PDB file of N, CA and C in Angstrom:
ATOM      1  N   MET A   1     -26.558 -55.372 -26.826  1.00  0.00           N
ATOM      2  CA  MET A   1     -26.206 -54.895 -27.645  1.00  0.00           C
ATOM      3  C   MET A   1     -25.553 -53.563 -26.554  1.00  0.00           C
ATOM      4  N   PRO A   2     -24.404 -52.791 -26.532  1.00  0.00           N
ATOM      5  CA  PRO A   2     -24.380 -51.622 -25.758  1.00  0.00           C
ATOM      6  C   PRO A   2     -24.944 -50.571 -26.457  1.00  0.00           C
ATOM      7  N   LEU A   3     -24.930 -49.626 -25.088  1.00  0.00           N
ATOM      8  CA  LEU A   3     -25.816 -48.381 -25.560  1.00  0.00           C
ATOM      9  C   LEU A   3     -25.469 -47.950 -26.801  1.00  0.00           C
ATOM     10  N   THR A   4     -23.905 -47.252 -27.193  1.00  0.00           N
ATOM     11  CA  THR A   4     -23.058 -46.505 -27.821  1.00  0.00           C
ATOM     12  C   THR A   4     -23.486 -47.260 -29.192  1.00  0.00           C
ATOM     13  N   ASP A   5     -23.740 -48.858 -29.689  1.00  0.00           N
ATOM     14  CA  ASP A   5     -23.503 -49.253 -30.717  1.00  0.00           C
ATOM     15  C   ASP A   5     -25.188 -49.278 -31.363  1.00  0.00           C
ATOM     16  N   ARG A   6     -25.961 -49.048 -30.142  1.00  0.00           N
ATOM     17  CA  ARG A   6     -27.519 -48.793 -30.217  1.00  0.00           C
ATOM     18  C   ARG A   6     -27.500 -47.306 -31.225  1.00  0.00           C
ATOM     19  N   ALA A   7     -26.949 -46.518 -30.411  1.00  0.00           N
ATOM     20  CA  ALA A   7     -26.821 -44.490 -30.632  1.00  0.00           C
ATOM     21  C   ALA A   7     -26.271 -44.739 -31.908  1.00  0.00           C
ATOM     22  N   THR A   8     -24.964 -45.423 -32.575  1.00  0.00           N
ATOM     23  CA  THR A   8     -24.377 -45.704 -33.461  1.00  0.00           C
ATOM     24  C   THR A   8     -25.367 -45.709 -35.092  1.00  0.00           C
ATOM     25  N   LYS A   9     -26.307 -46.813 -34.416  1.00  0.00           N
ATOM     26  CA  LYS A   9     -27.328 -47.790 -35.066  1.00  0.00           C
ATOM     27  C   LYS A   9     -27.912 -46.465 -35.603  1.00  0.00           C
ATOM     28  N   ASP A  10     -28.800 -45.693 -34.539  1.00  0.00           N
ATOM     29  CA  ASP A  10     -29.747 -45.006 -34.781  1.00  0.00           C
ATOM     30  C   ASP A  10     -29.201 -43.720 -35.622  1.00  0.00           C
ATOM     31  N   GLN A  11     -28.115 -43.043 -35.429  1.00  0.00           N
ATOM     32  CA  GLN A  11     -27.448 -41.930 -35.896  1.00  0.00           C
ATOM     33  C   GLN A  11     -26.953 -41.964 -37.462  1.00  0.00           C
ATOM     34  N   HIS A  12     -26.889 -43.694 -37.838  1.00  0.00           N
ATOM     35  CA  HIS A  12     -26.617 -44.500 -39.053  1.00  0.00           C
ATOM     36  C   HIS A  12     -27.916 -44.025 -39.886  1.00  0.00           C
ATOM     37  N   ALA A  13     -29.153 -44.447 -38.960  1.00  0.00           N
ATOM     38  CA  ALA A  13     -30.765 -44.808 -39.911  1.00  0.00           C
ATOM     39  C   ALA A  13     -30.553 -43.357 -40.065  1.00  0.00           C
ATOM     40  N   VAL A  14     -30.500 -42.532 -39.275  1.00  0.00           N
ATOM     41  CA  VAL A  14     -31.293 -41.331 -39.505  1.00  0.00           C
ATOM     42  C   VAL A  14     -30.593 -40.471 -40.624  1.00  0.00           C
ATOM     43  N   LEU A  15     -28.996 -41.014 -40.621  1.00  0.00           N
ATOM     44  CA  LEU A  15     -28.086 -40.511 -42.144  1.00  0.00           C
ATOM     45  C   LEU A  15     -28.652 -40.804 -43.065  1.00  0.00           C
ATOM     46  N   GLU A  16     -28.875 -42.218 -43.107  1.00  0.00           N
ATOM     47  CA  GLU A  16     -29.222 -43.146 -44.368  1.00  0.00           C
ATOM     48  C   GLU A  16     -30.547 -42.420 -45.199  1.00  0.00           C
ATOM     49  N   LYS A  17     -31.944 -42.052 -43.655  1.00  0.00           N
ATOM     50  CA  LYS A  17     -33.441 -41.898 -44.001  1.00  0.00           C
ATOM     51  C   LYS A  17     -32.675 -40.322 -45.146  1.00  0.00           C
ATOM     52  N   ILE A  18     -32.054 -39.620 -44.377  1.00  0.00           N
ATOM     53  CA  ILE A  18     -31.515 -38.282 -44.674  1.00  0.00           C
ATOM     54  C   ILE A  18     -31.003 -37.909 -46.628  1.00  0.00           C
ATOM     55  N   ALA A  19     -29.935 -38.788 -46.595  1.00  0.00           N
ATOM     56  CA  ALA A  19     -29.499 -39.505 -48.109  1.00  0.00           C
ATOM     57  C   ALA A  19     -30.472 -40.070 -48.626  1.00  0.00           C
ATOM     58  N   ALA A  20     -31.798 -40.708 -48.637  1.00  0.00           N
ATOM     59  CA  ALA A  20     -32.517 -40.781 -49.267  1.00  0.00           C
ATOM     60  C   ALA A  20     -33.808 -40.843 -49.973  1.00  0.00           C
ATOM     61  N   MET A  21     -34.151 -38.899 -49.009  1.00  0.00           N
ATOM     62  CA  MET A  21     -34.521 -38.045 -50.067  1.00  0.00           C
ATOM     63  C   MET A  21     -33.897 -37.081 -50.663  1.00  0.00           C
ATOM     64  N   PRO A  22     -35.186 -37.046 -52.192  1.00  0.00           N
ATOM     65  CA  PRO A  22     -34.674 -36.220 -53.461  1.00  0.00           C
ATOM     66  C   PRO A  22     -34.587 -35.021 -52.702  1.00  0.00           C
ATOM     67  N   GLU A  23     -33.480 -33.998 -53.823  1.00  0.00           N
ATOM     68  CA  GLU A  23     -32.817 -32.846 -53.424  1.00  0.00           C
ATOM     69  C   GLU A  23     -34.080 -32.053 -54.291  1.00  0.00           C
ATOM     70  N   PRO A  24     -34.688 -31.079 -53.581  1.00  0.00           N
ATOM     71  CA  PRO A  24     -33.638 -30.298 -52.491  1.00  0.00           C
ATOM     72  C   PRO A  24     -33.444 -30.579 -50.803  1.00  0.00           C
ATOM     73  N   TYR A  25     -34.875 -31.598 -50.742  1.00  0.00           N
ATOM     74  CA  TYR A  25     -35.011 -31.849 -49.206  1.00  0.00           C
ATOM     75  C   TYR A  25     -33.634 -32.384 -48.423  1.00  0.00           C
ATOM     76  N   THR A  26     -32.757 -33.462 -49.396  1.00  0.00           N
ATOM     77  CA  THR A  26     -31.479 -34.202 -48.273  1.00  0.00           C
ATOM     78  C   THR A  26     -30.719 -32.930 -48.068  1.00  0.00           C
ATOM     79  N   THR A  27     -30.436 -31.928 -48.784  1.00  0.00           N
ATOM     80  CA  THR A  27     -29.982 -30.458 -48.297  1.00  0.00           C
ATOM     81  C   THR A  27     -30.461 -29.877 -47.303  1.00  0.00           C
ATOM     82  N   ILE A  28     -31.997 -29.797 -47.242  1.00  0.00           N
ATOM     83  CA  ILE A  28     -32.572 -29.045 -46.154  1.00  0.00           C
ATOM     84  C   ILE A  28     -32.630 -30.134 -44.824  1.00  0.00           C
ATOM     85  N   ALA A  29     -32.744 -31.364 -45.071  1.00  0.00           N
ATOM     86  CA  ALA A  29     -32.832 -32.038 -43.506  1.00  0.00           C
ATOM     87  C   ALA A  29     -31.602 -32.083 -42.948  1.00  0.00           C
ATOM     88  N   ALA A  30     -30.707 -32.591 -44.103  1.00  0.00           N
ATOM     89  CA  ALA A  30     -29.165 -32.198 -43.582  1.00  0.00           C
ATOM     90  C   ALA A  30     -28.360 -31.377 -42.809  1.00  0.00           C
ATOM     91  N   ARG A  31     -29.358 -30.379 -42.825  1.00  0.00           N
ATOM     92  CA  ARG A  31     -28.754 -28.261 -42.643  1.00  0.00           C
ATOM     93  C   ARG A  31     -29.705 -28.704 -41.090  1.00  0.00           C
ATOM     94  N   LEU A  32     -30.606 -29.232 -41.343  1.00  0.00           N
ATOM     95  CA  LEU A  32     -31.859 -29.216 -40.713  1.00  0.00           C
ATOM     96  C   LEU A  32     -30.955 -30.261 -39.319  1.00  0.00           C
ATOM     97  N   HIS A  33     -31.163 -31.518 -39.139  1.00  0.00           N
ATOM     98  CA  HIS A  33     -29.577 -32.418 -38.541  1.00  0.00           C
ATOM     99  C   HIS A  33     -28.835 -31.685 -37.530  1.00  0.00           C
ATOM    100  N   GLU A  34     -27.870 -31.246 -38.938  1.00  0.00           N
ATOM    101  CA  GLU A  34     -27.088 -30.353 -38.083  1.00  0.00           C
ATOM    102  C   GLU A  34     -27.380 -29.414 -37.062  1.00  0.00           C
ATOM    103  N   THR A  35     -28.415 -28.289 -37.548  1.00  0.00           N
ATOM    104  CA  THR A  35     -28.784 -27.718 -36.486  1.00  0.00           C
ATOM    105  C   THR A  35     -29.308 -27.826 -35.180  1.00  0.00           C
ATOM    106  N   ILE A  36     -29.983 -28.718 -35.369  1.00  0.00           N
ATOM    107  CA  ILE A  36     -30.664 -29.715 -34.109  1.00  0.00           C
ATOM    108  C   ILE A  36     -29.928 -29.903 -33.195  1.00  0.00           C
ATOM    109  N   LEU A  37     -28.733 -30.831 -33.712  1.00  0.00           N
ATOM    110  CA  LEU A  37     -27.748 -31.179 -32.737  1.00  0.00           C
ATOM    111  C   LEU A  37     -26.691 -30.438 -32.484  1.00  0.00           C
ATOM    112  N   ALA A  38     -26.231 -29.160 -32.950  1.00  0.00           N
ATOM    113  CA  ALA A  38     -25.798 -28.310 -32.379  1.00  0.00           C
ATOM    114  C   ALA A  38     -26.380 -27.244 -31.592  1.00  0.00           C
ATOM    115  N   ALA A  39     -27.449 -27.189 -31.556  1.00  0.00           N
ATOM    116  CA  ALA A  39     -28.330 -26.371 -30.619  1.00  0.00           C
ATOM    117  C   ALA A  39     -28.724 -27.251 -29.909  1.00  0.00           C
ATOM    118  N   ALA A  40     -28.949 -28.442 -29.761  1.00  0.00           N
ATOM    119  CA  ALA A  40     -29.281 -29.420 -28.122  1.00  0.00           C
ATOM    120  C   ALA A  40     -28.095 -30.656 -28.190  1.00  0.00           C
ATOM    121  N   PRO A  41     -26.730 -31.035 -28.121  1.00  0.00           N
ATOM    122  CA  PRO A  41     -26.275 -31.534 -28.114  1.00  0.00           C
ATOM    123  C   PRO A  41     -26.286 -32.982 -27.731  1.00  0.00           C
ATOM    124  N   ARG A  42     -27.617 -32.959 -26.364  1.00  0.00           N
ATOM    125  CA  ARG A  42     -27.441 -33.985 -25.474  1.00  0.00           C
ATOM    126  C   ARG A  42     -28.717 -34.576 -26.403  1.00  0.00           C
ATOM    127  N   LEU A  43     -29.204 -34.279 -27.692  1.00  0.00           N
ATOM    128  CA  LEU A  43     -30.802 -35.028 -28.279  1.00  0.00           C
ATOM    129  C   LEU A  43     -29.621 -35.659 -29.184  1.00  0.00           C
ATOM    130  N   LYS A  44     -30.569 -37.244 -28.626  1.00  0.00           N
ATOM    131  CA  LYS A  44     -30.013 -38.389 -29.754  1.00  0.00           C
ATOM    132  C   LYS A  44     -30.838 -38.525 -31.088  1.00  0.00           C
ATOM    133  N   PRO A  45     -30.761 -38.455 -32.298  1.00  0.00           N
ATOM    134  CA  PRO A  45     -31.369 -38.934 -33.331  1.00  0.00           C
ATOM    135  C   PRO A  45     -31.632 -40.274 -33.316  1.00  0.00           C
ATOM    136  N   ARG A  46     -32.883 -40.516 -33.877  1.00  0.00           N
ATOM    137  CA  ARG A  46     -33.173 -41.517 -34.330  1.00  0.00           C
ATOM    138  C   ARG A  46     -34.628 -41.783 -35.172  1.00  0.00           C
ATOM    139  N   ILE A  47     -35.383 -42.665 -35.959  1.00  0.00           N
ATOM    140  CA  ILE A  47     -36.331 -42.735 -36.514  1.00  0.00           C
ATOM    141  C   ILE A  47     -37.884 -42.666 -35.763  1.00  0.00           C
ATOM    142  N   TRP A  48     -38.206 -42.052 -36.133  1.00  0.00           N
ATOM    143  CA  TRP A  48     -39.381 -41.763 -35.404  1.00  0.00           C
ATOM    144  C   TRP A  48     -40.396 -42.269 -36.191  1.00  0.00           C
ATOM    145  N   TYR A  49     -41.529 -42.733 -35.958  1.00  0.00           N
ATOM    146  CA  TYR A  49     -42.627 -42.750 -37.637  1.00  0.00           C
ATOM    147  C   TYR A  49     -42.360 -42.715 -38.790  1.00  0.00           C
ATOM    148  N   GLY A  50     -41.029 -43.243 -38.943  1.00  0.00           N
ATOM    149  CA  GLY A  50     -40.278 -43.327 -40.493  1.00  0.00           C
ATOM    150  C   GLY A  50     -39.284 -42.616 -40.516  1.00  0.00           C
ATOM    151  N   MET A  51     -39.347 -41.154 -39.428  1.00  0.00           N
ATOM    152  CA  MET A  51     -38.653 -39.616 -40.114  1.00  0.00           C
ATOM    153  C   MET A  51     -37.683 -39.439 -38.971  1.00  0.00           C
ATOM    154  N   PRO A  52     -36.498 -38.802 -39.461  1.00  0.00           N
ATOM    155  CA  PRO A  52     -35.757 -38.094 -38.258  1.00  0.00           C
ATOM    156  C   PRO A  52     -36.229 -37.733 -36.568  1.00  0.00           C
ATOM    157  N   GLY A  53     -36.277 -38.378 -35.817  1.00  0.00           N
ATOM    158  CA  GLY A  53     -36.510 -37.702 -34.244  1.00  0.00           C
ATOM    159  C   GLY A  53     -35.381 -37.747 -33.665  1.00  0.00           C
ATOM    160  N   TYR A  54     -35.745 -36.356 -32.594  1.00  0.00           N
ATOM    161  CA  TYR A  54     -34.115 -36.153 -31.452  1.00  0.00           C
ATOM    162  C   TYR A  54     -34.964 -35.934 -30.398  1.00  0.00           C
ATOM    163  N   ALA A  55     -34.463 -37.224 -29.534  1.00  0.00           N
ATOM    164  CA  ALA A  55     -35.179 -37.217 -27.868  1.00  0.00           C
ATOM    165  C   ALA A  55     -33.621 -36.826 -26.596  1.00  0.00           C
ATOM    166  N   THR A  56     -34.032 -36.566 -25.952  1.00  0.00           N
ATOM    167  CA  THR A  56     -32.960 -36.625 -24.830  1.00  0.00           C
ATOM    168  C   THR A  56     -32.251 -37.986 -24.479  1.00  0.00           C
ATOM    169  N   GLY A  57     -32.881 -39.350 -25.001  1.00  0.00           N
ATOM    170  CA  GLY A  57     -32.432 -40.905 -24.735  1.00  0.00           C
ATOM    171  C   GLY A  57     -33.268 -41.765 -25.532  1.00  0.00           C
ATOM    172  N   ARG A  58     -32.554 -42.587 -25.690  1.00  0.00           N
ATOM    173  CA  ARG A  58     -33.329 -43.653 -26.697  1.00  0.00           C
ATOM    174  C   ARG A  58     -34.527 -44.108 -26.086  1.00  0.00           C
ATOM    175  N   SER A  59     -34.951 -44.248 -24.439  1.00  0.00           N
ATOM    176  CA  SER A  59     -36.019 -44.364 -24.538  1.00  0.00           C
ATOM    177  C   SER A  59     -37.185 -43.177 -23.771  1.00  0.00           C
ATOM    178  N   THR A  60     -36.774 -42.238 -24.379  1.00  0.00           N
ATOM    179  CA  THR A  60     -37.073 -40.961 -23.910  1.00  0.00           C
ATOM    180  C   THR A  60     -38.513 -40.621 -25.117  1.00  0.00           C
ATOM    181  N   PRO A  61     -39.416 -39.379 -25.114  1.00  0.00           N
ATOM    182  CA  PRO A  61     -40.124 -39.330 -25.683  1.00  0.00           C
ATOM    183  C   PRO A  61     -39.290 -37.774 -26.549  1.00  0.00           C
ATOM    184  N   VAL A  62     -39.713 -38.079 -28.142  1.00  0.00           N
ATOM    185  CA  VAL A  62     -38.998 -37.728 -28.980  1.00  0.00           C
ATOM    186  C   VAL A  62     -40.107 -36.315 -29.102  1.00  0.00           C
ATOM    187  N   LEU A  63     -38.307 -34.945 -28.926  1.00  0.00           N
ATOM    188  CA  LEU A  63     -39.128 -33.730 -28.644  1.00  0.00           C
ATOM    189  C   LEU A  63     -39.051 -32.493 -29.571  1.00  0.00           C
ATOM    190  N   VAL A  64     -38.402 -33.311 -31.030  1.00  0.00           N
ATOM    191  CA  VAL A  64     -37.962 -32.702 -31.942  1.00  0.00           C
ATOM    192  C   VAL A  64     -37.994 -33.448 -33.474  1.00  0.00           C
ATOM    193  N   PHE A  65     -39.004 -32.836 -34.161  1.00  0.00           N
ATOM    194  CA  PHE A  65     -38.728 -33.868 -35.615  1.00  0.00           C
ATOM    195  C   PHE A  65     -38.491 -33.345 -36.754  1.00  0.00           C
ATOM    196  N   PHE A  66     -38.615 -34.062 -37.518  1.00  0.00           N
ATOM    197  CA  PHE A  66     -38.972 -33.334 -38.952  1.00  0.00           C
ATOM    198  C   PHE A  66     -39.387 -34.679 -40.322  1.00  0.00           C
ATOM    199  N   ARG A  67     -40.036 -33.943 -41.067  1.00  0.00           N
ATOM    200  CA  ARG A  67     -40.635 -35.465 -41.972  1.00  0.00           C
ATOM    201  C   ARG A  67     -40.949 -34.688 -43.213  1.00  0.00           C
ATOM    202  N   LEU A  68     -40.629 -35.411 -44.360  1.00  0.00           N
ATOM    203  CA  LEU A  68     -41.134 -35.368 -45.244  1.00  0.00           C
ATOM    204  C   LEU A  68     -41.699 -36.347 -45.907  1.00  0.00           C
ATOM    205  N   ASP A  69     -43.483 -35.468 -46.368  1.00  0.00           N
ATOM    206  CA  ASP A  69     -44.630 -36.304 -47.004  1.00  0.00           C
ATOM    207  C   ASP A  69     -45.085 -36.146 -48.472  1.00  0.00           C
ATOM    208  N   ASP A  70     -45.202 -36.341 -49.602  1.00  0.00           N
ATOM    209  CA  ASP A  70     -46.137 -35.856 -50.754  1.00  0.00           C
ATOM    210  C   ASP A  70     -45.077 -34.508 -51.257  1.00  0.00           C
ATOM    211  N   GLY A  71     -43.797 -34.674 -50.752  1.00  0.00           N
ATOM    212  CA  GLY A  71     -43.004 -33.709 -51.252  1.00  0.00           C
ATOM    213  C   GLY A  71     -43.078 -32.348 -50.275  1.00  0.00           C
ATOM    214  N   VAL A  72     -43.610 -31.948 -49.186  1.00  0.00           N
ATOM    215  CA  VAL A  72     -43.595 -31.200 -48.262  1.00  0.00           C
ATOM    216  C   VAL A  72     -42.726 -31.102 -47.140  1.00  0.00           C
ATOM    217  N   MET A  73     -42.173 -30.715 -46.894  1.00  0.00           N
ATOM    218  CA  MET A  73     -40.925 -30.732 -45.612  1.00  0.00           C
ATOM    219  C   MET A  73     -41.449 -30.049 -44.377  1.00  0.00           C
ATOM    220  N   SER A  74     -41.488 -30.745 -43.331  1.00  0.00           N
ATOM    221  CA  SER A  74     -41.897 -30.334 -42.160  1.00  0.00           C
ATOM    222  C   SER A  74     -41.534 -30.358 -40.991  1.00  0.00           C
ATOM    223  N   LEU A  75     -41.105 -29.220 -39.974  1.00  0.00           N
ATOM    224  CA  LEU A  75     -40.354 -29.389 -38.603  1.00  0.00           C
ATOM    225  C   LEU A  75     -41.196 -29.290 -37.408  1.00  0.00           C
ATOM    226  N   GLY A  76     -41.199 -30.472 -36.710  1.00  0.00           N
ATOM    227  CA  GLY A  76     -42.154 -30.290 -35.860  1.00  0.00           C
ATOM    228  C   GLY A  76     -41.410 -30.208 -34.216  1.00  0.00           C
ATOM    229  N   LEU A  77     -42.488 -29.688 -33.180  1.00  0.00           N
ATOM    230  CA  LEU A  77     -42.260 -30.042 -31.621  1.00  0.00           C
ATOM    231  C   LEU A  77     -43.325 -30.894 -31.380  1.00  0.00           C
ATOM    232  N   SER A  78     -42.521 -32.381 -30.519  1.00  0.00           N
ATOM    233  CA  SER A  78     -43.885 -32.582 -29.863  1.00  0.00           C
ATOM    234  C   SER A  78     -44.721 -32.615 -28.965  1.00  0.00           C
ATOM    235  N   ASP A  79     -45.982 -33.227 -28.469  1.00  0.00           N
ATOM    236  CA  ASP A  79     -46.541 -32.725 -27.105  1.00  0.00           C
ATOM    237  C   ASP A  79     -45.689 -32.662 -26.078  1.00  0.00           C
ATOM    238  N   LYS A  80     -44.442 -33.432 -25.954  1.00  0.00           N
ATOM    239  CA  LYS A  80     -43.348 -33.436 -25.230  1.00  0.00           C
ATOM    240  C   LYS A  80     -42.359 -32.468 -24.821  1.00  0.00           C
ATOM    241  N   ALA A  81     -42.283 -31.565 -26.091  1.00  0.00           N
ATOM    242  CA  ALA A  81     -41.576 -30.192 -25.924  1.00  0.00           C
ATOM    243  C   ALA A  81     -42.347 -29.124 -25.027  1.00  0.00           C
ATOM    244  N   THR A  82     -41.474 -28.457 -24.729  1.00  0.00           N
ATOM    245  CA  THR A  82     -41.537 -26.815 -24.231  1.00  0.00           C
ATOM    246  C   THR A  82     -41.443 -26.147 -25.417  1.00  0.00           C
ATOM    247  N   VAL A  83     -42.703 -25.467 -24.877  1.00  0.00           N
ATOM    248  CA  VAL A  83     -43.370 -24.990 -26.414  1.00  0.00           C
ATOM    249  C   VAL A  83     -43.842 -23.567 -25.566  1.00  0.00           C
ATOM    250  N   GLU A  84     -43.307 -22.286 -26.295  1.00  0.00           N
ATOM    251  CA  GLU A  84     -43.606 -21.103 -25.489  1.00  0.00           C
ATOM    252  C   GLU A  84     -44.727 -20.161 -26.501  1.00  0.00           C
ATOM    253  N   ARG A  85     -46.006 -20.043 -25.549  1.00  0.00           N
ATOM    254  CA  ARG A  85     -46.749 -19.236 -26.676  1.00  0.00           C
ATOM    255  C   ARG A  85     -46.297 -18.093 -26.981  1.00  0.00           C
ATOM    256  N   GLU A  86     -46.891 -18.076 -28.278  1.00  0.00           N
ATOM    257  CA  GLU A  86     -47.028 -16.938 -29.223  1.00  0.00           C
ATOM    258  C   GLU A  86     -47.429 -15.370 -28.503  1.00  0.00           C
ATOM    259  N   ARG A  87     -46.504 -14.437 -28.714  1.00  0.00           N
ATOM    260  CA  ARG A  87     -47.015 -13.566 -27.948  1.00  0.00           C
ATOM    261  C   ARG A  87     -48.593 -12.562 -27.947  1.00  0.00           C
ATOM    262  N   GLY A  88     -49.449 -12.613 -26.739  1.00  0.00           N
ATOM    263  CA  GLY A  88     -50.536 -12.078 -27.214  1.00  0.00           C
ATOM    264  C   GLY A  88     -51.896 -13.003 -27.419  1.00  0.00           C
ATOM    265  N   THR A  89     -50.931 -14.606 -27.356  1.00  0.00           N
ATOM    266  CA  THR A  89     -51.815 -15.156 -27.870  1.00  0.00           C
ATOM    267  C   THR A  89     -51.878 -16.225 -27.198  1.00  0.00           C
ATOM    268  N   THR A  90     -53.050 -17.463 -26.884  1.00  0.00           N
ATOM    269  CA  THR A  90     -52.877 -18.537 -26.129  1.00  0.00           C
ATOM    270  C   THR A  90     -52.148 -20.051 -27.149  1.00  0.00           C
ATOM    271  N   LEU A  91     -51.975 -19.425 -28.091  1.00  0.00           N
ATOM    272  CA  LEU A  91     -51.108 -20.259 -29.187  1.00  0.00           C
ATOM    273  C   LEU A  91     -50.031 -21.005 -29.077  1.00  0.00           C
ATOM    274  N   ARG A  92     -49.318 -22.292 -29.462  1.00  0.00           N
ATOM    275  CA  ARG A  92     -48.812 -23.006 -28.962  1.00  0.00           C
ATOM    276  C   ARG A  92     -47.805 -23.085 -29.855  1.00  0.00           C
ATOM    277  N   PRO A  93     -46.751 -22.750 -31.103  1.00  0.00           N
ATOM    278  CA  PRO A  93     -46.471 -23.200 -32.161  1.00  0.00           C
ATOM    279  C   PRO A  93     -46.231 -24.306 -31.843  1.00  0.00           C
ATOM    280  N   SER A  94     -46.330 -25.488 -32.948  1.00  0.00           N
ATOM    281  CA  SER A  94     -45.443 -26.366 -32.903  1.00  0.00           C
ATOM    282  C   SER A  94     -44.973 -27.457 -33.974  1.00  0.00           C
ATOM    283  N   ALA A  95     -45.509 -26.581 -35.564  1.00  0.00           N
ATOM    284  CA  ALA A  95     -45.077 -26.976 -36.931  1.00  0.00           C
ATOM    285  C   ALA A  95     -44.754 -25.889 -37.624  1.00  0.00           C
ATOM    286  N   TRP A  96     -43.902 -26.166 -38.559  1.00  0.00           N
ATOM    287  CA  TRP A  96     -43.850 -25.487 -40.027  1.00  0.00           C
ATOM    288  C   TRP A  96     -43.663 -26.480 -41.181  1.00  0.00           C
ATOM    289  N   TYR A  97     -43.916 -25.493 -41.938  1.00  0.00           N
ATOM    290  CA  TYR A  97     -43.362 -26.289 -43.294  1.00  0.00           C
ATOM    291  C   TYR A  97     -42.208 -25.665 -43.934  1.00  0.00           C
ATOM    292  N   LEU A  98     -41.495 -26.489 -44.369  1.00  0.00           N
ATOM    293  CA  LEU A  98     -40.023 -25.927 -45.165  1.00  0.00           C
ATOM    294  C   LEU A  98     -39.851 -26.158 -46.648  1.00  0.00           C
ATOM    295  N   ASP A  99     -39.522 -24.820 -47.333  1.00  0.00           N
ATOM    296  CA  ASP A  99     -39.315 -25.534 -48.861  1.00  0.00           C
ATOM    297  C   ASP A  99     -37.537 -25.203 -49.112  1.00  0.00           C
ATOM    298  N   ASP A 100     -37.013 -24.069 -47.971  1.00  0.00           N
ATOM    299  CA  ASP A 100     -35.860 -24.191 -48.209  1.00  0.00           C
ATOM    300  C   ASP A 100     -35.348 -23.370 -46.601  1.00  0.00           C
ATOM    301  N   VAL A 101     -34.698 -23.534 -46.467  1.00  0.00           N
ATOM    302  CA  VAL A 101     -33.723 -22.969 -45.426  1.00  0.00           C
ATOM    303  C   VAL A 101     -32.124 -21.886 -45.593  1.00  0.00           C
ATOM    304  N   ASP A 102     -32.251 -21.094 -44.625  1.00  0.00           N
ATOM    305  CA  ASP A 102     -31.023 -19.608 -44.987  1.00  0.00           C
ATOM    306  C   ASP A 102     -30.739 -19.828 -43.045  1.00  0.00           C
ATOM    307  N   ASP A 103     -30.085 -18.854 -43.519  1.00  0.00           N
ATOM    308  CA  ASP A 103     -29.180 -18.542 -42.039  1.00  0.00           C
ATOM    309  C   ASP A 103     -30.459 -18.286 -40.425  1.00  0.00           C
ATOM    310  N   ALA A 104     -31.363 -17.554 -41.296  1.00  0.00           N
ATOM    311  CA  ALA A 104     -32.390 -16.872 -40.319  1.00  0.00           C
ATOM    312  C   ALA A 104     -33.276 -17.317 -39.823  1.00  0.00           C
ATOM    313  N   THR A 105     -33.561 -18.630 -41.217  1.00  0.00           N
ATOM    314  CA  THR A 105     -34.340 -19.477 -40.700  1.00  0.00           C
ATOM    315  C   THR A 105     -33.734 -20.691 -39.637  1.00  0.00           C
ATOM    316  N   LEU A 106     -32.289 -21.267 -39.888  1.00  0.00           N
ATOM    317  CA  LEU A 106     -31.707 -21.943 -38.930  1.00  0.00           C
ATOM    318  C   LEU A 106     -31.889 -21.575 -37.878  1.00  0.00           C
ATOM    319  N   ALA A 107     -31.387 -20.193 -37.340  1.00  0.00           N
ATOM    320  CA  ALA A 107     -31.019 -19.255 -36.497  1.00  0.00           C
ATOM    321  C   ALA A 107     -32.223 -19.413 -35.614  1.00  0.00           C
ATOM    322  N   ARG A 108     -33.616 -19.610 -35.798  1.00  0.00           N
ATOM    323  CA  ARG A 108     -34.773 -19.551 -35.365  1.00  0.00           C
ATOM    324  C   ARG A 108     -35.253 -20.842 -34.919  1.00  0.00           C
ATOM    325  N   ILE A 109     -34.626 -21.912 -35.777  1.00  0.00           N
ATOM    326  CA  ILE A 109     -34.673 -23.604 -35.833  1.00  0.00           C
ATOM    327  C   ILE A 109     -33.966 -23.777 -34.326  1.00  0.00           C
ATOM    328  N   ALA A 110     -32.756 -23.236 -34.605  1.00  0.00           N
ATOM    329  CA  ALA A 110     -31.644 -23.559 -33.254  1.00  0.00           C
ATOM    330  C   ALA A 110     -32.512 -23.011 -32.433  1.00  0.00           C
ATOM    331  N   ASP A 111     -33.205 -21.619 -31.753  1.00  0.00           N
ATOM    332  CA  ASP A 111     -33.671 -21.107 -30.489  1.00  0.00           C
ATOM    333  C   ASP A 111     -34.841 -21.653 -30.325  1.00  0.00           C
ATOM    334  N   LEU A 112     -35.812 -22.057 -31.120  1.00  0.00           N
ATOM    335  CA  LEU A 112     -36.460 -23.232 -31.109  1.00  0.00           C
ATOM    336  C   LEU A 112     -36.876 -24.459 -30.122  1.00  0.00           C
ATOM    337  N   VAL A 113     -35.507 -25.265 -31.026  1.00  0.00           N
ATOM    338  CA  VAL A 113     -34.684 -27.009 -30.235  1.00  0.00           C
ATOM    339  C   VAL A 113     -34.169 -26.391 -28.756  1.00  0.00           C
ATOM    340  N   ARG A 114     -33.499 -25.672 -28.971  1.00  0.00           N
ATOM    341  CA  ARG A 114     -32.699 -25.545 -27.244  1.00  0.00           C
ATOM    342  C   ARG A 114     -34.310 -25.070 -26.253  1.00  0.00           C
ATOM    343  N   THR A 115     -35.405 -24.357 -26.859  1.00  0.00           N
ATOM    344  CA  THR A 115     -36.171 -23.669 -26.326  1.00  0.00           C
ATOM    345  C   THR A 115     -37.446 -25.466 -25.343  1.00  0.00           C
ATOM    346  N   ALA A 116     -37.491 -26.463 -26.647  1.00  0.00           N
ATOM    347  CA  ALA A 116     -37.908 -27.388 -26.789  1.00  0.00           C
ATOM    348  C   ALA A 116     -37.363 -28.532 -25.433  1.00  0.00           C
ATOM    349  N   VAL A 117     -36.420 -28.280 -25.165  1.00  0.00           N
ATOM    350  CA  VAL A 117     -35.072 -29.215 -24.330  1.00  0.00           C
ATOM    351  C   VAL A 117     -35.518 -28.698 -23.350  1.00  0.00           C
ATOM    352  N   GLY A 118     -35.283 -27.552 -23.596  1.00  0.00           N
ATOM    353  CA  GLY A 118     -35.691 -26.868 -21.554  1.00  0.00           C
ATOM    354  C   GLY A 118     -34.700 -26.829 -20.777  1.00  0.00           C
TER     355      GLY A 118
END
């Protein structure tokens, strides 16, 4: 199967997963998907552990992902992502819970994605 066919199937699978989520999570996930791909166009979506994940290639590690588990939406950066330390600490943030998104949140997510990709 040609790579573009795999990429198309992966993209379709991610969009199906998003569409199957209940509201308001379908809307939140669609906005996350769009924001992630706009912030780092070289990322390729695929299903990762049953949920949308984004990597630089089909056989490379996922860097950014989001999940819906038991009515809780989370956005995460994998251990393979570039993550900046929080100021004044040794903590490296890697996951956030979402129950809504606004423009400021999406802008911050775009920054996180650009950093994660390096």
